[in-house]
Amino acid sequence: ISSLLPSKPLEELRLKNLQVARNAGWIQSETPLNEAVAELD
């Protein structure tokens, strides 16, 4: 079912998860958080 949920709560949760990921070094520090660019190391 396409577009069943609104984007806002999904994006808010994603950004909070990504902040945890950035703190762990899973995301490249020099890139914007919302781009979620992975640190493969």
Full PDB file with SEQRES, HELIX, SHEET, SSBOND, CRYST1, ORIGX, SCALE, CONECT and MASTER records, all heavy atoms in Angstrom:
SEQRES   1 A   41  ILE SER SER LEU LEU PRO SER LYS PRO LEU GLU GLU LEU          
SEQRES   2 A   41  ARG LEU LYS ASN LEU GLN VAL ALA ARG ASN ALA GLY TRP          
SEQRES   3 A   41  ILE GLN SER GLU THR PRO LEU ASN GLU ALA VAL ALA GLU          
SEQRES   4 A   41  LEU ASP                                                      
HELIX    1 AA1 SER A    7  ASN A   23  1                                  17    
HELIX    2 AA2 LEU A   33  GLU A   35  5                                   3    
CRYST1    1.000    1.000    1.000  90.00  90.00  90.00 P 1           1          
ORIGX1      1.000000  0.000000  0.000000        0.00000                         
ORIGX2      0.000000  1.000000  0.000000        0.00000                         
ORIGX3      0.000000  0.000000  1.000000        0.00000                         
SCALE1      1.000000  0.000000  0.000000        0.00000                         
SCALE2      0.000000  1.000000  0.000000        0.00000                         
SCALE3      0.000000  0.000000  1.000000        0.00000                         
ATOM      1  N   ILE A   1       0.859  -1.183   0.000  1.00  0.00           N  
ATOM      2  CA  ILE A   1       0.000   0.000   0.000  1.00  0.00           C  
ATOM      3  C   ILE A   1       0.895   1.232   0.000  1.00  0.00           C  
ATOM      4  O   ILE A   1       1.596   1.522   0.972  1.00  0.00           O  
ATOM      5  CB  ILE A   1      -0.955   0.005   1.204  1.00  0.00           C  
ATOM      6  CG1 ILE A   1      -1.819  -1.256   1.180  1.00  0.00           C  
ATOM      7  CG2 ILE A   1      -1.840   1.251   1.175  1.00  0.00           C  
ATOM      8  CD1 ILE A   1      -2.801  -1.374   2.316  1.00  0.00           C  
ATOM      9  N   SER A   2       0.878   1.929  -1.102  1.00  0.00           N  
ATOM     10  CA  SER A   2       1.724   3.112  -1.243  1.00  0.00           C  
ATOM     11  C   SER A   2       1.155   4.271  -0.432  1.00  0.00           C  
ATOM     12  O   SER A   2      -0.063   4.404  -0.261  1.00  0.00           O  
ATOM     13  CB  SER A   2       1.840   3.508  -2.716  1.00  0.00           C  
ATOM     14  OG  SER A   2       0.569   3.798  -3.273  1.00  0.00           O  
ATOM     15  N   SER A   3       2.046   5.097   0.093  1.00  0.00           N  
ATOM     16  CA  SER A   3       1.692   6.338   0.813  1.00  0.00           C  
ATOM     17  C   SER A   3       0.691   6.102   1.941  1.00  0.00           C  
ATOM     18  O   SER A   3      -0.157   6.943   2.203  1.00  0.00           O  
ATOM     19  CB  SER A   3       1.117   7.368  -0.175  1.00  0.00           C  
ATOM     20  OG  SER A   3       2.010   7.615  -1.230  1.00  0.00           O  
ATOM     21  N   LEU A   4       0.808   4.981   2.633  1.00  0.00           N  
ATOM     22  CA  LEU A   4      -0.124   4.694   3.729  1.00  0.00           C  
ATOM     23  C   LEU A   4       0.176   5.560   4.947  1.00  0.00           C  
ATOM     24  O   LEU A   4      -0.735   6.016   5.635  1.00  0.00           O  
ATOM     25  CB  LEU A   4      -0.056   3.216   4.106  1.00  0.00           C  
ATOM     26  CG  LEU A   4      -0.950   2.778   5.263  1.00  0.00           C  
ATOM     27  CD1 LEU A   4      -2.433   2.971   4.911  1.00  0.00           C  
ATOM     28  CD2 LEU A   4      -0.679   1.320   5.637  1.00  0.00           C  
ATOM     29  N   LEU A   5       1.453   5.805   5.221  1.00  0.00           N  
ATOM     30  CA  LEU A   5       1.849   6.560   6.402  1.00  0.00           C  
ATOM     31  C   LEU A   5       2.357   7.941   6.005  1.00  0.00           C  
ATOM     32  O   LEU A   5       2.958   8.113   4.939  1.00  0.00           O  
ATOM     33  CB  LEU A   5       2.959   5.816   7.159  1.00  0.00           C  
ATOM     34  CG  LEU A   5       2.579   4.473   7.782  1.00  0.00           C  
ATOM     35  CD1 LEU A   5       3.809   3.807   8.377  1.00  0.00           C  
ATOM     36  CD2 LEU A   5       1.500   4.641   8.837  1.00  0.00           C  
ATOM     37  N   PRO A   6       2.169   8.930   6.872  1.00  0.00           N  
ATOM     38  CA  PRO A   6       2.739  10.253   6.602  1.00  0.00           C  
ATOM     39  C   PRO A   6       4.256  10.211   6.755  1.00  0.00           C  
ATOM     40  O   PRO A   6       4.800   9.436   7.546  1.00  0.00           O  
ATOM     41  CB  PRO A   6       2.094  11.145   7.663  1.00  0.00           C  
ATOM     42  CG  PRO A   6       1.739  10.211   8.779  1.00  0.00           C  
ATOM     43  CD  PRO A   6       1.390   8.902   8.130  1.00  0.00           C  
ATOM     44  N   SER A   7       4.940  11.051   6.015  1.00  0.00           N  
ATOM     45  CA  SER A   7       6.404  11.055   6.032  1.00  0.00           C  
ATOM     46  C   SER A   7       6.985  11.609   7.331  1.00  0.00           C  
ATOM     47  O   SER A   7       8.060  11.175   7.772  1.00  0.00           O  
ATOM     48  CB  SER A   7       6.939  11.869   4.852  1.00  0.00           C  
ATOM     49  OG  SER A   7       6.728  11.199   3.637  1.00  0.00           O  
ATOM     50  N   LYS A   8       6.312  12.576   7.952  1.00  0.00           N  
ATOM     51  CA  LYS A   8       6.917  13.294   9.076  1.00  0.00           C  
ATOM     52  C   LYS A   8       7.376  12.386  10.214  1.00  0.00           C  
ATOM     53  O   LYS A   8       8.550  12.476  10.639  1.00  0.00           O  
ATOM     54  CB  LYS A   8       5.954  14.357   9.600  1.00  0.00           C  
ATOM     55  CG  LYS A   8       6.550  15.194  10.721  1.00  0.00           C  
ATOM     56  CD  LYS A   8       5.586  16.282  11.198  1.00  0.00           C  
ATOM     57  CE  LYS A   8       6.199  17.077  12.343  1.00  0.00           C  
ATOM     58  NZ  LYS A   8       5.275  18.124  12.841  1.00  0.00           N  
ATOM     59  N   PRO A   9       6.522  11.495  10.766  1.00  0.00           N  
ATOM     60  CA  PRO A   9       7.014  10.659  11.872  1.00  0.00           C  
ATOM     61  C   PRO A   9       8.099   9.678  11.447  1.00  0.00           C  
ATOM     62  O   PRO A   9       8.973   9.335  12.246  1.00  0.00           O  
ATOM     63  CB  PRO A   9       5.754   9.926  12.350  1.00  0.00           C  
ATOM     64  CG  PRO A   9       4.807   9.972  11.185  1.00  0.00           C  
ATOM     65  CD  PRO A   9       5.089  11.273  10.497  1.00  0.00           C  
ATOM     66  N   LEU A  10       8.068   9.240  10.194  1.00  0.00           N  
ATOM     67  CA  LEU A  10       9.102   8.342   9.699  1.00  0.00           C  
ATOM     68  C   LEU A  10      10.446   9.062   9.610  1.00  0.00           C  
ATOM     69  O   LEU A  10      11.486   8.528  10.012  1.00  0.00           O  
ATOM     70  CB  LEU A  10       8.710   7.791   8.326  1.00  0.00           C  
ATOM     71  CG  LEU A  10       7.427   6.967   8.267  1.00  0.00           C  
ATOM     72  CD1 LEU A  10       7.119   6.579   6.831  1.00  0.00           C  
ATOM     73  CD2 LEU A  10       7.535   5.722   9.139  1.00  0.00           C  
ATOM     74  N   GLU A  11      10.413  10.280   9.096  1.00  0.00           N  
ATOM     75  CA  GLU A  11      11.650  11.040   8.969  1.00  0.00           C  
ATOM     76  C   GLU A  11      12.197  11.436  10.334  1.00  0.00           C  
ATOM     77  O   GLU A  11      13.418  11.407  10.562  1.00  0.00           O  
ATOM     78  CB  GLU A  11      11.420  12.280   8.110  1.00  0.00           C  
ATOM     79  CG  GLU A  11      12.671  13.101   7.816  1.00  0.00           C  
ATOM     80  CD  GLU A  11      13.702  12.355   6.982  1.00  0.00           C  
ATOM     81  OE1 GLU A  11      13.391  11.261   6.450  1.00  0.00           O  
ATOM     82  OE2 GLU A  11      14.841  12.849   6.877  1.00  0.00           O  
ATOM     83  N   GLU A  12      11.325  11.794  11.264  1.00  0.00           N  
ATOM     84  CA  GLU A  12      11.779  12.146  12.611  1.00  0.00           C  
ATOM     85  C   GLU A  12      12.471  10.957  13.276  1.00  0.00           C  
ATOM     86  O   GLU A  12      13.522  11.113  13.914  1.00  0.00           O  
ATOM     87  CB  GLU A  12      10.589  12.626  13.451  1.00  0.00           C  
ATOM     88  CG  GLU A  12      10.074  13.999  13.039  1.00  0.00           C  
ATOM     89  CD  GLU A  12       8.829  14.412  13.806  1.00  0.00           C  
ATOM     90  OE1 GLU A  12       8.249  13.547  14.506  1.00  0.00           O  
ATOM     91  OE2 GLU A  12       8.423  15.587  13.699  1.00  0.00           O  
ATOM     92  N   LEU A  13      11.880   9.775  13.135  1.00  0.00           N  
ATOM     93  CA  LEU A  13      12.500   8.580  13.713  1.00  0.00           C  
ATOM     94  C   LEU A  13      13.806   8.251  13.003  1.00  0.00           C  
ATOM     95  O   LEU A  13      14.811   7.914  13.643  1.00  0.00           O  
ATOM     96  CB  LEU A  13      11.536   7.395  13.624  1.00  0.00           C  
ATOM     97  CG  LEU A  13      12.080   6.042  14.106  1.00  0.00           C  
ATOM     98  CD1 LEU A  13      12.549   6.119  15.547  1.00  0.00           C  
ATOM     99  CD2 LEU A  13      11.017   4.951  13.939  1.00  0.00           C  
ATOM    100  N   ARG A  14      13.827   8.366  11.694  1.00  0.00           N  
ATOM    101  CA  ARG A  14      15.048   8.088  10.933  1.00  0.00           C  
ATOM    102  C   ARG A  14      16.188   8.991  11.383  1.00  0.00           C  
ATOM    103  O   ARG A  14      17.316   8.526  11.599  1.00  0.00           O  
ATOM    104  CB  ARG A  14      14.794   8.272   9.436  1.00  0.00           C  
ATOM    105  CG  ARG A  14      15.976   7.848   8.552  1.00  0.00           C  
ATOM    106  CD  ARG A  14      15.657   8.033   7.081  1.00  0.00           C  
ATOM    107  NE  ARG A  14      15.819   9.408   6.662  1.00  0.00           N  
ATOM    108  CZ  ARG A  14      16.901   9.904   6.055  1.00  0.00           C  
ATOM    109  NH1 ARG A  14      17.942   9.114   5.814  1.00  0.00           N  
ATOM    110  NH2 ARG A  14      16.953  11.170   5.682  1.00  0.00           N  
ATOM    111  N   LEU A  15      15.918  10.283  11.553  1.00  0.00           N  
ATOM    112  CA  LEU A  15      16.972  11.214  11.952  1.00  0.00           C  
ATOM    113  C   LEU A  15      17.484  10.911  13.364  1.00  0.00           C  
ATOM    114  O   LEU A  15      18.682  11.045  13.638  1.00  0.00           O  
ATOM    115  CB  LEU A  15      16.471  12.647  11.855  1.00  0.00           C  
ATOM    116  CG  LEU A  15      16.226  13.168  10.436  1.00  0.00           C  
ATOM    117  CD1 LEU A  15      15.611  14.554  10.453  1.00  0.00           C  
ATOM    118  CD2 LEU A  15      17.519  13.168   9.612  1.00  0.00           C  
ATOM    119  N   LYS A  16      16.594  10.495  14.254  1.00  0.00           N  
ATOM    120  CA  LYS A  16      17.048  10.123  15.599  1.00  0.00           C  
ATOM    121  C   LYS A  16      17.907   8.862  15.546  1.00  0.00           C  
ATOM    122  O   LYS A  16      18.931   8.768  16.241  1.00  0.00           O  
ATOM    123  CB  LYS A  16      15.840   9.918  16.522  1.00  0.00           C  
ATOM    124  CG  LYS A  16      15.150  11.228  16.875  1.00  0.00           C  
ATOM    125  CD  LYS A  16      14.080  11.051  17.934  1.00  0.00           C  
ATOM    126  CE  LYS A  16      13.486  12.407  18.318  1.00  0.00           C  
ATOM    127  NZ  LYS A  16      12.510  12.319  19.412  1.00  0.00           N  
ATOM    128  N   ASN A  17      17.504   7.894  14.723  1.00  0.00           N  
ATOM    129  CA  ASN A  17      18.328   6.702  14.548  1.00  0.00           C  
ATOM    130  C   ASN A  17      19.677   7.046  13.923  1.00  0.00           C  
ATOM    131  O   ASN A  17      20.724   6.504  14.306  1.00  0.00           O  
ATOM    132  CB  ASN A  17      17.607   5.684  13.657  1.00  0.00           C  
ATOM    133  CG  ASN A  17      16.509   4.927  14.386  1.00  0.00           C  
ATOM    134  OD1 ASN A  17      16.414   4.977  15.610  1.00  0.00           O  
ATOM    135  ND2 ASN A  17      15.686   4.236  13.636  1.00  0.00           N  
ATOM    136  N   LEU A  18      19.656   7.954  12.956  1.00  0.00           N  
ATOM    137  CA  LEU A  18      20.892   8.336  12.286  1.00  0.00           C  
ATOM    138  C   LEU A  18      21.840   9.064  13.225  1.00  0.00           C  
ATOM    139  O   LEU A  18      23.063   8.955  13.091  1.00  0.00           O  
ATOM    140  CB  LEU A  18      20.592   9.200  11.063  1.00  0.00           C  
ATOM    141  CG  LEU A  18      19.978   8.472   9.856  1.00  0.00           C  
ATOM    142  CD1 LEU A  18      19.637   9.472   8.753  1.00  0.00           C  
ATOM    143  CD2 LEU A  18      20.927   7.400   9.331  1.00  0.00           C  
ATOM    144  N   GLN A  19      21.293   9.808  14.188  1.00  0.00           N  
ATOM    145  CA  GLN A  19      22.163  10.472  15.160  1.00  0.00           C  
ATOM    146  C   GLN A  19      22.881   9.435  16.019  1.00  0.00           C  
ATOM    147  O   GLN A  19      24.077   9.587  16.318  1.00  0.00           O  
ATOM    148  CB  GLN A  19      21.361  11.429  16.044  1.00  0.00           C  
ATOM    149  CG  GLN A  19      22.238  12.282  16.946  1.00  0.00           C  
ATOM    150  CD  GLN A  19      23.220  13.138  16.160  1.00  0.00           C  
ATOM    151  OE1 GLN A  19      22.828  13.976  15.357  1.00  0.00           O  
ATOM    152  NE2 GLN A  19      24.519  12.918  16.379  1.00  0.00           N  
ATOM    153  N   VAL A  20      22.161   8.381  16.411  1.00  0.00           N  
ATOM    154  CA  VAL A  20      22.811   7.282  17.126  1.00  0.00           C  
ATOM    155  C   VAL A  20      23.901   6.669  16.252  1.00  0.00           C  
ATOM    156  O   VAL A  20      25.013   6.389  16.717  1.00  0.00           O  
ATOM    157  CB  VAL A  20      21.775   6.207  17.533  1.00  0.00           C  
ATOM    158  CG1 VAL A  20      22.466   4.994  18.153  1.00  0.00           C  
ATOM    159  CG2 VAL A  20      20.751   6.783  18.505  1.00  0.00           C  
ATOM    160  N   ALA A  21      23.570   6.465  14.967  1.00  0.00           N  
ATOM    161  CA  ALA A  21      24.532   5.878  14.035  1.00  0.00           C  
ATOM    162  C   ALA A  21      25.755   6.772  13.859  1.00  0.00           C  
ATOM    163  O   ALA A  21      26.893   6.287  13.809  1.00  0.00           O  
ATOM    164  CB  ALA A  21      23.847   5.621  12.688  1.00  0.00           C  
ATOM    165  N   ARG A  22      25.539   8.078  13.772  1.00  0.00           N  
ATOM    166  CA  ARG A  22      26.682   9.001  13.636  1.00  0.00           C  
ATOM    167  C   ARG A  22      27.568   8.960  14.880  1.00  0.00           C  
ATOM    168  O   ARG A  22      28.799   8.950  14.761  1.00  0.00           O  
ATOM    169  CB  ARG A  22      26.197  10.421  13.377  1.00  0.00           C  
ATOM    170  CG  ARG A  22      27.286  11.479  13.551  1.00  0.00           C  
ATOM    171  CD  ARG A  22      26.981  12.761  12.821  1.00  0.00           C  
ATOM    172  NE  ARG A  22      27.264  12.622  11.396  1.00  0.00           N  
ATOM    173  CZ  ARG A  22      27.005  13.562  10.484  1.00  0.00           C  
ATOM    174  NH1 ARG A  22      26.433  14.692  10.854  1.00  0.00           N  
ATOM    175  NH2 ARG A  22      27.301  13.366   9.229  1.00  0.00           N  
ATOM    176  N   ASN A  23      26.952   8.938  16.042  1.00  0.00           N  
ATOM    177  CA  ASN A  23      27.740   8.882  17.277  1.00  0.00           C  
ATOM    178  C   ASN A  23      28.593   7.615  17.339  1.00  0.00           C  
ATOM    179  O   ASN A  23      29.652   7.604  17.976  1.00  0.00           O  
ATOM    180  CB  ASN A  23      26.816   8.942  18.490  1.00  0.00           C  
ATOM    181  CG  ASN A  23      26.118  10.289  18.631  1.00  0.00           C  
ATOM    182  OD1 ASN A  23      26.538  11.283  18.037  1.00  0.00           O  
ATOM    183  ND2 ASN A  23      25.046  10.324  19.405  1.00  0.00           N  
ATOM    184  N   ALA A  24      28.113   6.557  16.662  1.00  0.00           N  
ATOM    185  CA  ALA A  24      28.846   5.290  16.641  1.00  0.00           C  
ATOM    186  C   ALA A  24      29.876   5.238  15.523  1.00  0.00           C  
ATOM    187  O   ALA A  24      30.615   4.244  15.414  1.00  0.00           O  
ATOM    188  CB  ALA A  24      27.861   4.139  16.479  1.00  0.00           C  
ATOM    189  N   GLY A  25      29.924   6.258  14.680  1.00  0.00           N  
ATOM    190  CA  GLY A  25      30.861   6.257  13.571  1.00  0.00           C  
ATOM    191  C   GLY A  25      30.388   5.499  12.352  1.00  0.00           C  
ATOM    192  O   GLY A  25      31.177   5.186  11.459  1.00  0.00           O  
ATOM    193  N   TRP A  26      29.086   5.207  12.294  1.00  0.00           N  
ATOM    194  CA  TRP A  26      28.539   4.476  11.148  1.00  0.00           C  
ATOM    195  C   TRP A  26      28.312   5.388   9.943  1.00  0.00           C  
ATOM    196  O   TRP A  26      28.119   4.896   8.835  1.00  0.00           O  
ATOM    197  CB  TRP A  26      27.208   3.829  11.513  1.00  0.00           C  
ATOM    198  CG  TRP A  26      27.290   2.728  12.512  1.00  0.00           C  
ATOM    199  CD1 TRP A  26      28.399   2.288  13.178  1.00  0.00           C  
ATOM    200  CD2 TRP A  26      26.206   1.910  12.981  1.00  0.00           C  
ATOM    201  NE1 TRP A  26      28.068   1.255  14.028  1.00  0.00           N  
ATOM    202  CE2 TRP A  26      26.741   1.003  13.928  1.00  0.00           C  
ATOM    203  CE3 TRP A  26      24.845   1.862  12.695  1.00  0.00           C  
ATOM    204  CZ2 TRP A  26      25.954   0.054  14.579  1.00  0.00           C  
ATOM    205  CZ3 TRP A  26      24.055   0.923  13.342  1.00  0.00           C  
ATOM    206  CH2 TRP A  26      24.606   0.028  14.274  1.00  0.00           C  
ATOM    207  N   ILE A  27      28.304   6.712  10.174  1.00  0.00           N  
ATOM    208  CA  ILE A  27      28.048   7.683   9.115  1.00  0.00           C  
ATOM    209  C   ILE A  27      29.271   8.583   8.975  1.00  0.00           C  
ATOM    210  O   ILE A  27      29.869   8.993   9.978  1.00  0.00           O  
ATOM    211  CB  ILE A  27      26.797   8.526   9.434  1.00  0.00           C  
ATOM    212  CG1 ILE A  27      25.542   7.647   9.430  1.00  0.00           C  
ATOM    213  CG2 ILE A  27      26.630   9.668   8.430  1.00  0.00           C  
ATOM    214  CD1 ILE A  27      24.295   8.391   9.848  1.00  0.00           C  
ATOM    215  N   GLN A  28      29.633   8.910   7.748  1.00  0.00           N  
ATOM    216  CA  GLN A  28      30.781   9.783   7.514  1.00  0.00           C  
ATOM    217  C   GLN A  28      30.537  11.145   8.146  1.00  0.00           C  
ATOM    218  O   GLN A  28      29.512  11.794   7.897  1.00  0.00           O  
ATOM    219  CB  GLN A  28      31.039   9.922   6.009  1.00  0.00           C  
ATOM    220  CG  GLN A  28      31.499   8.623   5.357  1.00  0.00           C  
ATOM    221  CD  GLN A  28      31.821   8.788   3.889  1.00  0.00           C  
ATOM    222  OE1 GLN A  28      31.843   9.899   3.359  1.00  0.00           O  
ATOM    223  NE2 GLN A  28      32.092   7.674   3.220  1.00  0.00           N  
ATOM    224  N   SER A  29      31.455  11.571   8.977  1.00  0.00           N  
ATOM    225  CA  SER A  29      31.263  12.764   9.802  1.00  0.00           C  
ATOM    226  C   SER A  29      31.176  14.052   8.998  1.00  0.00           C  
ATOM    227  O   SER A  29      30.559  15.018   9.439  1.00  0.00           O  
ATOM    228  CB  SER A  29      32.390  12.862  10.834  1.00  0.00           C  
ATOM    229  OG  SER A  29      33.652  12.936  10.179  1.00  0.00           O  
ATOM    230  N   GLU A  30      31.785  14.086   7.820  1.00  0.00           N  
ATOM    231  CA  GLU A  30      31.817  15.324   7.038  1.00  0.00           C  
ATOM    232  C   GLU A  30      30.601  15.488   6.134  1.00  0.00           C  
ATOM    233  O   GLU A  30      30.488  16.472   5.405  1.00  0.00           O  
ATOM    234  CB  GLU A  30      33.101  15.367   6.190  1.00  0.00           C  
ATOM    235  CG  GLU A  30      33.160  14.362   5.057  1.00  0.00           C  
ATOM    236  CD  GLU A  30      33.649  12.987   5.487  1.00  0.00           C  
ATOM    237  OE1 GLU A  30      33.735  12.758   6.725  1.00  0.00           O  
ATOM    238  OE2 GLU A  30      33.940  12.159   4.607  1.00  0.00           O  
ATOM    239  N   THR A  31      29.667  14.542   6.162  1.00  0.00           N  
ATOM    240  CA  THR A  31      28.480  14.610   5.297  1.00  0.00           C  
ATOM    241  C   THR A  31      27.245  14.960   6.114  1.00  0.00           C  
ATOM    242  O   THR A  31      27.193  14.702   7.326  1.00  0.00           O  
ATOM    243  CB  THR A  31      28.252  13.277   4.577  1.00  0.00           C  
ATOM    244  OG1 THR A  31      28.033  12.246   5.557  1.00  0.00           O  
ATOM    245  CG2 THR A  31      29.447  12.910   3.713  1.00  0.00           C  
ATOM    246  N   PRO A  32      26.219  15.556   5.489  1.00  0.00           N  
ATOM    247  CA  PRO A  32      24.985  15.878   6.221  1.00  0.00           C  
ATOM    248  C   PRO A  32      24.333  14.626   6.798  1.00  0.00           C  
ATOM    249  O   PRO A  32      24.313  13.570   6.157  1.00  0.00           O  
ATOM    250  CB  PRO A  32      24.098  16.514   5.142  1.00  0.00           C  
ATOM    251  CG  PRO A  32      25.042  17.036   4.113  1.00  0.00           C  
ATOM    252  CD  PRO A  32      26.185  16.064   4.098  1.00  0.00           C  
ATOM    253  N   LEU A  33      23.787  14.752   7.999  1.00  0.00           N  
ATOM    254  CA  LEU A  33      23.187  13.621   8.686  1.00  0.00           C  
ATOM    255  C   LEU A  33      22.099  12.970   7.842  1.00  0.00           C  
ATOM    256  O   LEU A  33      22.027  11.734   7.734  1.00  0.00           O  
ATOM    257  CB  LEU A  33      22.605  14.088  10.028  1.00  0.00           C  
ATOM    258  CG  LEU A  33      21.944  13.003  10.883  1.00  0.00           C  
ATOM    259  CD1 LEU A  33      22.983  12.015  11.393  1.00  0.00           C  
ATOM    260  CD2 LEU A  33      21.181  13.637  12.045  1.00  0.00           C  
ATOM    261  N   ASN A  34      21.235  13.788   7.240  1.00  0.00           N  
ATOM    262  CA  ASN A  34      20.081  13.224   6.536  1.00  0.00           C  
ATOM    263  C   ASN A  34      20.458  12.451   5.283  1.00  0.00           C  
ATOM    264  O   ASN A  34      19.654  11.685   4.748  1.00  0.00           O  
ATOM    265  CB  ASN A  34      19.065  14.321   6.189  1.00  0.00           C  
ATOM    266  CG  ASN A  34      19.594  15.318   5.172  1.00  0.00           C  
ATOM    267  OD1 ASN A  34      20.804  15.489   5.021  1.00  0.00           O  
ATOM    268  ND2 ASN A  34      18.691  15.970   4.462  1.00  0.00           N  
ATOM    269  N   GLU A  35      21.709  12.602   4.809  1.00  0.00           N  
ATOM    270  CA  GLU A  35      22.146  11.843   3.641  1.00  0.00           C  
ATOM    271  C   GLU A  35      22.573  10.427   4.000  1.00  0.00           C  
ATOM    272  O   GLU A  35      22.657   9.562   3.113  1.00  0.00           O  
ATOM    273  CB  GLU A  35      23.274  12.578   2.921  1.00  0.00           C  
ATOM    274  CG  GLU A  35      22.814  13.881   2.276  1.00  0.00           C  
ATOM    275  CD  GLU A  35      23.920  14.559   1.490  1.00  0.00           C  
ATOM    276  OE1 GLU A  35      25.019  13.952   1.338  1.00  0.00           O  
ATOM    277  OE2 GLU A  35      23.698  15.700   1.029  1.00  0.00           O  
ATOM    278  N   ALA A  36      22.844  10.172   5.268  1.00  0.00           N  
ATOM    279  CA  ALA A  36      23.119   8.820   5.781  1.00  0.00           C  
ATOM    280  C   ALA A  36      24.245   8.121   5.027  1.00  0.00           C  
ATOM    281  O   ALA A  36      24.184   6.904   4.795  1.00  0.00           O  
ATOM    282  CB  ALA A  36      21.847   7.973   5.747  1.00  0.00           C  
ATOM    283  N   VAL A  37      25.282   8.853   4.647  1.00  0.00           N  
ATOM    284  CA  VAL A  37      26.390   8.254   3.898  1.00  0.00           C  
ATOM    285  C   VAL A  37      27.205   7.366   4.848  1.00  0.00           C  
ATOM    286  O   VAL A  37      27.740   7.833   5.854  1.00  0.00           O  
ATOM    287  CB  VAL A  37      27.282   9.336   3.266  1.00  0.00           C  
ATOM    288  CG1 VAL A  37      28.467   8.688   2.551  1.00  0.00           C  
ATOM    289  CG2 VAL A  37      26.463  10.187   2.302  1.00  0.00           C  
ATOM    290  N   ALA A  38      27.304   6.093   4.516  1.00  0.00           N  
ATOM    291  CA  ALA A  38      27.882   5.106   5.428  1.00  0.00           C  
ATOM    292  C   ALA A  38      29.397   5.196   5.507  1.00  0.00           C  
ATOM    293  O   ALA A  38      30.074   5.475   4.516  1.00  0.00           O  
ATOM    294  CB  ALA A  38      27.475   3.705   4.992  1.00  0.00           C  
ATOM    295  N   GLU A  39      29.913   4.947   6.699  1.00  0.00           N  
ATOM    296  CA  GLU A  39      31.347   4.781   6.922  1.00  0.00           C  
ATOM    297  C   GLU A  39      31.610   3.276   6.890  1.00  0.00           C  
ATOM    298  O   GLU A  39      31.327   2.560   7.858  1.00  0.00           O  
ATOM    299  CB  GLU A  39      31.743   5.372   8.275  1.00  0.00           C  
ATOM    300  CG  GLU A  39      33.213   5.197   8.623  1.00  0.00           C  
ATOM    301  CD  GLU A  39      34.114   5.732   7.534  1.00  0.00           C  
ATOM    302  OE1 GLU A  39      34.209   6.971   7.397  1.00  0.00           O  
ATOM    303  OE2 GLU A  39      34.713   4.889   6.822  1.00  0.00           O  
ATOM    304  N   LEU A  40      32.138   2.790   5.771  1.00  0.00           N  
ATOM    305  CA  LEU A  40      32.246   1.347   5.563  1.00  0.00           C  
ATOM    306  C   LEU A  40      33.224   0.687   6.522  1.00  0.00           C  
ATOM    307  O   LEU A  40      33.095  -0.507   6.817  1.00  0.00           O  
ATOM    308  CB  LEU A  40      32.628   1.053   4.112  1.00  0.00           C  
ATOM    309  CG  LEU A  40      31.617   1.522   3.057  1.00  0.00           C  
ATOM    310  CD1 LEU A  40      32.066   1.076   1.669  1.00  0.00           C  
ATOM    311  CD2 LEU A  40      30.219   1.000   3.352  1.00  0.00           C  
ATOM    312  N   ASP A  41      34.183   1.443   7.024  1.00  0.00           N  
ATOM    313  CA  ASP A  41      35.136   0.874   7.984  1.00  0.00           C  
ATOM    314  C   ASP A  41      34.460   0.502   9.306  1.00  0.00           C  
ATOM    315  O   ASP A  41      35.043  -0.241  10.112  1.00  0.00           O  
ATOM    316  CB  ASP A  41      36.276   1.846   8.257  1.00  0.00           C  
ATOM    317  CG  ASP A  41      37.216   1.994   7.076  1.00  0.00           C  
ATOM    318  OD1 ASP A  41      37.199   1.106   6.192  1.00  0.00           O  
ATOM    319  OD2 ASP A  41      37.954   2.995   7.015  1.00  0.00           O  
TER     320      ASP A  41                                                      
MASTER        0    0    0    2    0    0    0    6  319    1    0    4          
END                                                                             
